């Protein structure tokens, strides 16, 4: 196992963060928290698998001295939180607006 915060704190934190972010992204894709589009969920699943896989590789199998720090690891959670919050706000707004007819106009009761 390559995780040793005393000897390599940056490498260890990066590997752990990769795995945590990857698993969170996979959970986002699996549950669709806020994202209704299949494409968004599919991209999130692929991204999550790639991040978690690279983190596991670095933590358990990596034997080299050079590794790449990907900026997506730090940026992806912010984007996912924004997508979740936007989805929640959109659902709340749709619930407050009431039902719409087939053309998207507000239905009126007669």
Protein backbone atom coordinates (compact mmCIF):
# COMPACT_ATOMS: atom_id res chain seq x y z
CA UNK A 1 0.00 0.00 0.00
CA UNK A 2 1.38 3.38 -1.01
CA UNK A 3 -0.65 5.53 1.38
CA UNK A 4 1.78 7.04 3.89
CA UNK A 5 0.90 10.54 5.06
CA UNK A 6 4.18 10.87 6.97
CA UNK A 7 6.44 10.16 3.98
CA UNK A 8 4.32 11.46 1.05
CA UNK A 9 1.44 13.61 2.30
CA UNK A 10 0.52 15.15 -1.09
CA UNK A 11 0.54 11.81 -2.89
CA UNK A 12 -1.45 10.11 -0.12
CA UNK A 13 -4.04 12.88 0.09
CA UNK A 14 -4.38 12.91 -3.70
CA UNK A 15 -4.95 9.14 -3.89
CA UNK A 16 -7.52 9.24 -1.09
CA UNK A 17 -9.28 12.25 -2.63
CA UNK A 18 -9.42 10.49 -6.00
CA UNK A 19 -11.16 7.48 -4.49
CA UNK A 20 -13.61 9.55 -2.42
CA UNK A 21 -14.48 11.86 -5.31
CA UNK A 22 -14.80 8.91 -7.68
CA UNK A 23 -17.16 7.05 -5.37
CA UNK A 24 -19.21 10.21 -4.81
CA UNK A 25 -19.47 10.76 -8.55
CA UNK A 26 -20.56 7.15 -9.08
CA UNK A 27 -23.22 7.59 -6.36
CA UNK A 28 -24.40 10.77 -8.12
CA UNK A 29 -24.67 8.90 -11.41
CA UNK A 30 -26.44 5.92 -9.86
CA UNK A 31 -29.07 7.94 -8.01
CA UNK A 32 -29.40 10.83 -10.46
CA UNK A 33 -29.54 13.36 -7.63
CA UNK A 34 -30.72 16.41 -9.52
CA UNK A 35 -29.70 15.20 -12.98
CA UNK A 36 -32.52 13.85 -15.10
CA UNK A 37 -30.54 13.55 -18.35
CA UNK A 38 -29.15 10.11 -19.11
CA UNK A 39 -26.13 11.67 -20.82
CA UNK A 40 -25.20 13.61 -17.67
CA UNK A 41 -25.49 10.50 -15.55
CA UNK A 42 -23.46 8.42 -18.02
CA UNK A 43 -20.66 10.99 -18.18
CA UNK A 44 -20.64 11.18 -14.37
CA UNK A 45 -20.42 7.38 -14.11
CA UNK A 46 -17.49 7.17 -16.52
CA UNK A 47 -15.73 10.06 -14.77
CA UNK A 48 -16.31 8.47 -11.36
CA UNK A 49 -15.00 5.09 -12.46
CA UNK A 50 -11.91 6.72 -13.96
CA UNK A 51 -11.19 8.75 -10.81
CA UNK A 52 -11.78 5.90 -8.39
CA UNK A 53 -9.80 3.50 -10.55
CA UNK A 54 -6.82 5.84 -10.79
CA UNK A 55 -6.95 6.42 -7.03
CA UNK A 56 -6.97 2.68 -6.31
CA UNK A 57 -4.12 2.20 -8.79
CA UNK A 58 -2.05 4.90 -7.10
CA UNK A 59 -2.84 3.63 -3.62
CA UNK A 60 -2.18 -0.07 -4.18
CA UNK A 61 -0.36 -0.82 -7.44
CA UNK A 62 1.75 2.24 -8.33
CA UNK A 63 5.50 1.63 -8.14
CA UNK A 64 6.85 4.62 -10.07
CA UNK A 65 7.96 8.06 -9.00
CA UNK A 66 5.91 10.28 -11.34
CA UNK A 67 2.15 10.67 -11.21
CA UNK A 68 -0.28 13.15 -12.74
CA UNK A 69 -2.46 15.41 -10.63
CA UNK A 70 -5.73 15.92 -12.48
CA UNK A 71 -7.53 19.21 -11.79
CA UNK A 72 -10.91 17.48 -12.31
CA UNK A 73 -10.54 15.86 -8.90
CA UNK A 74 -10.88 19.25 -7.27
CA UNK A 75 -13.36 20.74 -9.75
CA UNK A 76 -15.80 17.82 -10.21
CA UNK A 77 -17.35 17.90 -6.72
CA UNK A 78 -18.16 21.61 -7.09
CA UNK A 79 -19.86 21.00 -10.45
CA UNK A 80 -21.81 18.01 -9.11
CA UNK A 81 -23.04 19.98 -6.10
CA UNK A 82 -24.16 22.77 -8.44
CA UNK A 83 -26.05 20.27 -10.62
CA UNK A 84 -27.76 18.73 -7.59
CA UNK A 85 -28.80 22.13 -6.22
CA UNK A 86 -30.08 23.26 -9.63
CA UNK A 87 -32.11 20.04 -9.97
CA UNK A 88 -33.62 20.53 -6.52
CA UNK A 89 -34.50 24.15 -7.31
CA UNK A 90 -36.04 23.17 -10.67
CA UNK A 91 -38.19 20.48 -9.04
CA UNK A 92 -39.32 22.86 -6.32
CA UNK A 93 -40.21 25.51 -8.92
CA UNK A 94 -42.14 22.97 -11.00
CA UNK A 95 -44.07 21.86 -7.92
CA UNK A 96 -44.97 25.44 -7.06
CA UNK A 97 -46.06 26.27 -10.62
CA UNK A 98 -48.63 23.50 -10.68
CA UNK A 99 -49.53 21.17 -13.51
CA UNK A 100 -48.96 22.22 -17.13
CA UNK A 101 -50.94 21.16 -20.19
CA UNK A 102 -49.37 19.32 -23.14
CA UNK A 103 -48.00 22.56 -24.70
CA UNK A 104 -46.24 23.58 -21.50
CA UNK A 105 -48.77 26.29 -20.58
CA UNK A 106 -50.28 26.57 -17.16
CA UNK A 107 -53.43 24.52 -16.89
CA UNK A 108 -56.47 26.44 -15.76
CA UNK A 109 -59.37 24.97 -13.91
CA UNK A 110 -62.82 25.82 -15.17
